[in-house]
Structure formats: C-alpha cells, structure tokens
Amino acid sequence: MLAAADIMTMPTMVRINEPKTSGKAAPLIIMRANDMVLVK
C-alpha cells in the first residue's frame, strides 16, 4: 500500500521539480504501475 502511495506522489513532485528527471523516471513509473495492477 505504501508503494502505491509513493507511485501517486513521486511522479507529480518530479514533474514539478525537474522535468528532465520525469522523462528519465517515466519507465520506472510505468513498471511500478504495472506492479500495482498485478498486486490488485
């Protein structure tokens, strides 16, 4: 559950603070999202 909360929070903060980082983290966010779907 904590991981799910981090998934929702991290992308937003990254986009606000460092657009370059968000592009780099996109694959991680996608993979984490897939993990959430599998867990559910």
Protein backbone atom coordinates (compact mmCIF):
# COMPACT_ATOMS: atom_id res chain seq x y z
CA MET A 1 0.00 0.00 0.00
CA LEU A 2 2.82 2.41 0.85
CA ALA A 3 4.41 1.73 -2.52
CA ALA A 4 1.12 2.63 -4.22
CA ALA A 5 1.05 5.95 -2.34
CA ASP A 6 4.65 6.65 -3.42
CA ILE A 7 3.73 5.91 -7.03
CA MET A 8 0.98 8.53 -6.93
CA THR A 9 3.13 11.12 -5.14
CA MET A 10 6.54 10.79 -6.81
CA PRO A 11 5.59 11.46 -10.47
CA THR A 12 3.85 14.72 -9.55
CA MET A 13 6.76 16.03 -7.47
CA VAL A 14 9.25 15.02 -10.15
CA ARG A 15 7.30 16.84 -12.86
CA ILE A 16 7.08 19.99 -10.75
CA ASN A 17 10.73 19.99 -9.63
CA GLU A 18 12.68 18.51 -12.56
CA PRO A 19 11.04 17.87 -15.95
CA LYS A 20 14.24 16.17 -17.17
CA THR A 21 14.05 13.67 -14.31
CA SER A 22 10.40 12.91 -15.03
CA GLY A 23 11.35 11.80 -18.54
CA LYS A 24 14.04 9.54 -17.10
CA ALA A 25 11.71 8.14 -14.42
CA ALA A 26 8.80 7.51 -16.81
CA PRO A 27 9.83 3.85 -17.45
CA LEU A 28 10.09 3.24 -13.70
CA ILE A 29 6.68 4.81 -13.12
CA ILE A 30 5.20 2.61 -15.85
CA MET A 31 6.79 -0.54 -14.39
CA ARG A 32 5.59 0.38 -10.89
CA ALA A 33 2.09 0.99 -12.26
CA ASN A 34 2.17 -2.49 -13.80
CA ASP A 35 3.20 -3.91 -10.41
CA MET A 36 0.21 -2.17 -8.83
CA VAL A 37 -2.12 -3.77 -11.38
CA LEU A 38 -0.60 -7.19 -10.71
CA VAL A 39 -0.93 -6.72 -6.95
CA LYS A 40 -4.56 -5.68 -7.27
